[in-house]
N, C-alpha and C. Protein backbone atom coordinates (compact mmCIF):
# COMPACT_ATOMS: atom_id res chain seq x y z
N MET A 1 5.41 -5.69 16.22
CA MET A 1 4.53 -5.15 15.38
C MET A 1 3.87 -3.89 15.92
N LYS A 2 3.63 -3.68 17.32
CA LYS A 2 2.98 -2.47 17.87
C LYS A 2 3.94 -1.29 17.61
N ASN A 3 5.20 -1.54 17.79
CA ASN A 3 6.08 -0.48 17.53
C ASN A 3 6.19 0.11 15.98
N TYR A 4 6.07 -0.82 15.23
CA TYR A 4 5.96 -0.49 13.83
C TYR A 4 4.78 0.34 13.46
N LEU A 5 3.66 0.00 13.98
CA LEU A 5 2.39 0.62 13.80
C LEU A 5 2.56 2.02 14.22
N MET A 6 2.97 2.12 15.59
CA MET A 6 3.12 3.44 16.31
C MET A 6 3.89 4.29 15.41
N LEU A 7 5.09 3.76 15.09
CA LEU A 7 6.09 4.68 14.20
C LEU A 7 5.36 4.99 12.88
N LEU A 8 4.66 4.16 12.12
CA LEU A 8 4.01 4.39 11.09
C LEU A 8 2.93 5.60 11.13
N LEU A 9 2.26 5.39 12.20
CA LEU A 9 0.99 6.35 12.54
C LEU A 9 1.82 7.77 12.81
N VAL A 10 2.86 7.87 13.53
CA VAL A 10 3.53 9.21 13.96
C VAL A 10 4.02 9.85 12.56
N VAL A 11 4.74 8.92 11.80
CA VAL A 11 5.45 9.63 10.68
C VAL A 11 4.24 10.06 9.57
N LEU A 12 3.15 9.22 9.46
CA LEU A 12 2.18 9.59 8.58
C LEU A 12 1.61 10.90 9.13
N VAL A 13 1.15 11.12 10.32
CA VAL A 13 0.60 12.30 10.95
C VAL A 13 1.43 13.39 10.65
N LEU A 14 2.83 13.39 10.89
CA LEU A 14 3.63 14.44 10.82
C LEU A 14 3.93 14.86 9.31
N SER A 15 3.88 13.84 8.32
CA SER A 15 4.26 14.16 7.10
C SER A 15 2.91 14.62 6.23
N CYS A 16 1.87 14.78 6.72
CA CYS A 16 0.64 15.27 5.96
C CYS A 16 0.67 16.79 5.97
N LYS A 17 0.04 17.37 5.05
CA LYS A 17 0.05 18.77 5.11
C LYS A 17 -1.07 19.21 6.12
N SER A 18 -0.93 20.31 6.71
CA SER A 18 -1.83 20.83 7.71
C SER A 18 -2.75 21.89 7.01
N ASN A 19 -3.90 21.80 7.65
CA ASN A 19 -5.02 22.71 7.28
C ASN A 19 -4.76 24.05 7.94
N ASN A 20 -5.04 24.23 9.14
CA ASN A 20 -4.93 25.31 10.09
C ASN A 20 -4.14 24.91 11.28
N LYS A 21 -3.58 23.75 11.35
CA LYS A 21 -2.85 23.39 12.57
C LYS A 21 -1.55 23.31 12.36
N THR A 22 -0.72 23.80 13.50
CA THR A 22 0.64 23.92 13.49
C THR A 22 1.09 22.57 13.65
N THR A 23 2.45 22.32 13.38
CA THR A 23 3.14 21.03 13.53
C THR A 23 3.03 20.45 14.95
N GLU A 24 3.02 21.48 15.73
CA GLU A 24 3.25 21.12 17.25
C GLU A 24 1.67 20.33 17.64
N GLU A 25 0.62 20.94 17.11
CA GLU A 25 -0.60 20.52 17.37
C GLU A 25 -0.86 19.33 16.91
N LEU A 26 -0.29 18.87 15.46
CA LEU A 26 -0.50 17.65 14.98
C LEU A 26 0.34 16.51 15.67
N ALA A 27 1.76 16.93 16.20
CA ALA A 27 2.48 16.21 16.88
C ALA A 27 1.94 15.93 18.40
N ALA A 28 1.06 16.66 19.02
CA ALA A 28 0.60 16.42 20.05
C ALA A 28 -0.26 15.33 20.40
N VAL A 29 0.30 14.16 19.92
CA VAL A 29 -0.43 12.89 20.13
C VAL A 29 0.34 12.20 21.22
N ASP A 30 -0.30 11.88 22.26
CA ASP A 30 0.42 11.25 23.38
C ASP A 30 0.36 9.61 23.29
N GLN A 31 1.08 9.00 24.20
CA GLN A 31 1.25 7.38 24.08
C GLN A 31 -0.09 6.76 24.28
N THR A 32 -0.98 7.40 25.16
CA THR A 32 -2.12 6.78 25.21
C THR A 32 -3.08 6.68 23.99
N THR A 33 -3.07 7.86 23.39
CA THR A 33 -3.82 7.98 22.04
C THR A 33 -3.21 7.11 20.99
N ILE A 34 -2.02 6.91 20.90
CA ILE A 34 -1.27 5.98 19.87
C ILE A 34 -1.69 4.61 20.30
N ALA A 35 -1.74 4.31 21.43
CA ALA A 35 -1.92 2.93 21.97
C ALA A 35 -3.28 2.66 21.73
N LYS A 36 -4.30 3.57 21.79
CA LYS A 36 -5.65 3.26 21.59
C LYS A 36 -5.91 2.91 20.07
N HIS A 37 -5.22 3.78 19.26
CA HIS A 37 -5.26 3.32 17.70
C HIS A 37 -4.54 2.15 17.44
N ILE A 38 -3.33 1.58 18.06
CA ILE A 38 -2.96 0.47 17.81
C ILE A 38 -3.81 -0.75 18.18
N GLU A 39 -4.30 -0.47 19.36
CA GLU A 39 -5.46 -1.57 19.83
C GLU A 39 -6.49 -1.64 18.99
N HIS A 40 -7.02 -0.77 18.44
CA HIS A 40 -8.27 -0.86 17.62
C HIS A 40 -7.75 -1.50 16.26
N LEU A 41 -6.66 -0.98 15.72
CA LEU A 41 -6.18 -1.51 14.40
C LEU A 41 -5.77 -3.04 14.37
N ALA A 42 -5.37 -3.48 15.58
CA ALA A 42 -4.94 -4.73 16.06
C ALA A 42 -6.22 -5.66 16.25
N SER A 43 -7.40 -5.06 16.38
CA SER A 43 -8.65 -5.96 16.61
C SER A 43 -9.08 -6.82 15.53
N ASP A 44 -10.00 -7.72 15.86
CA ASP A 44 -10.34 -8.60 14.85
C ASP A 44 -11.24 -8.02 13.79
N GLU A 45 -11.79 -6.74 14.06
CA GLU A 45 -12.59 -6.00 13.15
C GLU A 45 -11.70 -5.68 11.83
N PHE A 46 -10.55 -5.69 11.98
CA PHE A 46 -9.66 -5.26 10.79
C PHE A 46 -9.10 -6.53 10.08
N LEU A 47 -9.55 -7.73 10.39
CA LEU A 47 -9.38 -8.92 9.67
C LEU A 47 -7.82 -9.22 9.39
N GLY A 48 -6.90 -8.71 10.26
CA GLY A 48 -5.46 -9.01 10.20
C GLY A 48 -4.94 -7.95 9.16
N ARG A 49 -5.62 -7.02 8.53
CA ARG A 49 -5.20 -6.02 7.69
C ARG A 49 -4.33 -6.61 6.56
N LYS A 50 -4.60 -7.90 6.01
CA LYS A 50 -4.05 -8.33 4.97
C LYS A 50 -4.21 -7.55 3.68
N PRO A 51 -3.17 -7.29 2.89
CA PRO A 51 -3.29 -6.68 1.53
C PRO A 51 -4.34 -7.34 0.65
N PHE A 52 -5.16 -6.48 -0.14
CA PHE A 52 -6.15 -6.91 -1.05
C PHE A 52 -7.28 -7.77 -0.51
N THR A 53 -7.72 -7.35 0.85
CA THR A 53 -8.67 -7.78 1.61
C THR A 53 -9.51 -6.77 2.13
N GLU A 54 -10.71 -7.20 2.62
CA GLU A 54 -11.64 -6.35 3.21
C GLU A 54 -10.90 -5.53 4.38
N GLY A 55 -10.05 -6.15 5.10
CA GLY A 55 -9.36 -5.80 6.38
C GLY A 55 -8.50 -4.57 5.96
N GLU A 56 -7.89 -4.78 4.72
CA GLU A 56 -7.04 -3.51 4.20
C GLU A 56 -7.93 -2.20 3.99
N VAL A 57 -8.96 -2.53 3.33
CA VAL A 57 -9.75 -1.48 2.94
C VAL A 57 -10.25 -0.77 4.37
N LYS A 58 -10.67 -1.56 5.43
CA LYS A 58 -11.15 -0.99 6.59
C LYS A 58 -10.03 -0.19 7.28
N THR A 59 -8.82 -0.73 7.21
CA THR A 59 -7.64 -0.02 7.71
C THR A 59 -7.24 1.25 7.08
N VAL A 60 -7.25 1.25 5.86
CA VAL A 60 -6.92 2.61 5.07
C VAL A 60 -8.14 3.55 5.25
N ASN A 61 -9.39 3.10 5.48
CA ASN A 61 -10.53 4.04 5.77
C ASN A 61 -10.42 4.73 7.17
N TYR A 62 -9.98 3.76 8.03
CA TYR A 62 -9.72 4.15 9.47
C TYR A 62 -8.77 5.31 9.66
N LEU A 63 -7.57 4.96 8.98
CA LEU A 63 -6.42 5.94 9.13
C LEU A 63 -6.80 7.31 8.35
N LYS A 64 -7.50 7.26 7.08
CA LYS A 64 -7.93 8.36 6.48
C LYS A 64 -8.80 9.23 7.24
N ASP A 65 -9.82 8.59 8.06
CA ASP A 65 -10.73 9.33 8.80
C ASP A 65 -10.02 9.94 10.02
N GLU A 66 -9.06 9.25 10.68
CA GLU A 66 -8.44 9.88 11.72
C GLU A 66 -7.50 11.04 11.30
N PHE A 67 -6.77 10.86 10.07
CA PHE A 67 -6.09 12.22 9.58
C PHE A 67 -6.98 13.34 9.44
N GLU A 68 -8.13 13.19 8.90
CA GLU A 68 -9.18 14.08 8.66
C GLU A 68 -9.53 14.72 9.90
N LYS A 69 -9.76 13.83 11.03
CA LYS A 69 -10.27 14.50 12.19
C LYS A 69 -9.12 15.35 12.72
N LEU A 70 -7.82 15.07 12.50
CA LEU A 70 -6.80 15.86 13.06
C LEU A 70 -6.56 17.23 12.25
N GLY A 71 -7.34 17.30 11.14
CA GLY A 71 -7.19 18.49 10.23
C GLY A 71 -6.00 18.41 9.30
N ALA A 72 -5.63 17.32 9.12
CA ALA A 72 -4.53 16.94 8.04
C ALA A 72 -5.12 16.94 6.58
N LEU A 73 -4.35 17.55 5.67
CA LEU A 73 -4.67 17.47 4.35
C LEU A 73 -3.95 16.28 3.56
N PRO A 74 -4.52 15.82 2.54
CA PRO A 74 -3.98 14.65 1.80
C PRO A 74 -2.60 15.25 1.32
N GLY A 75 -1.63 14.27 1.28
CA GLY A 75 -0.28 14.63 0.67
C GLY A 75 -0.24 14.22 -0.80
N ASN A 76 -1.15 13.64 -1.29
CA ASN A 76 -1.06 13.21 -2.75
C ASN A 76 -2.21 13.69 -3.58
N GLU A 77 -2.06 15.08 -3.74
CA GLU A 77 -3.13 15.80 -4.47
C GLU A 77 -4.42 15.72 -3.44
N ASP A 78 -5.44 14.77 -4.00
CA ASP A 78 -6.66 14.83 -3.16
C ASP A 78 -6.87 13.46 -2.28
N SER A 79 -5.72 12.69 -2.16
CA SER A 79 -5.87 11.47 -1.70
C SER A 79 -4.68 11.29 -0.53
N PHE A 80 -5.18 10.50 0.36
CA PHE A 80 -4.28 10.07 1.62
C PHE A 80 -3.36 8.74 1.04
N SER A 81 -3.93 8.26 -0.25
CA SER A 81 -3.21 6.88 -0.58
C SER A 81 -2.27 7.29 -1.63
N LYS A 82 -1.29 6.41 -1.81
CA LYS A 82 -0.34 6.52 -2.93
C LYS A 82 -0.95 5.57 -4.10
N ARG A 83 -0.95 6.08 -5.21
CA ARG A 83 -1.54 5.37 -6.36
C ARG A 83 -0.35 4.62 -6.97
N PHE A 84 -0.56 3.28 -7.32
CA PHE A 84 0.43 2.53 -8.02
C PHE A 84 -0.17 1.91 -9.13
N LEU A 85 0.74 1.98 -10.27
CA LEU A 85 0.54 1.36 -11.43
C LEU A 85 1.21 0.04 -11.47
N TRP A 86 0.52 -0.89 -11.97
CA TRP A 86 1.00 -2.36 -11.90
C TRP A 86 1.18 -2.77 -13.47
């Protein structure tokens, strides 16, 4: 599970549009930083990250905030999330 989250985080960071940062600056995330994020996301605070729960909302908000701190821009118009129609 940790490898999946690490891969997801790296892919998302690299796929977002950049504000004034180069790809190298966005990719300059080391193993310690990724491990810190994985450990935080795996904590009880995120309630298992189950879809359609408060844990999912907390997880999405955490990831959005971290991308904004990196200077990444949303890849879906004005949102970091994909909109789905059911």
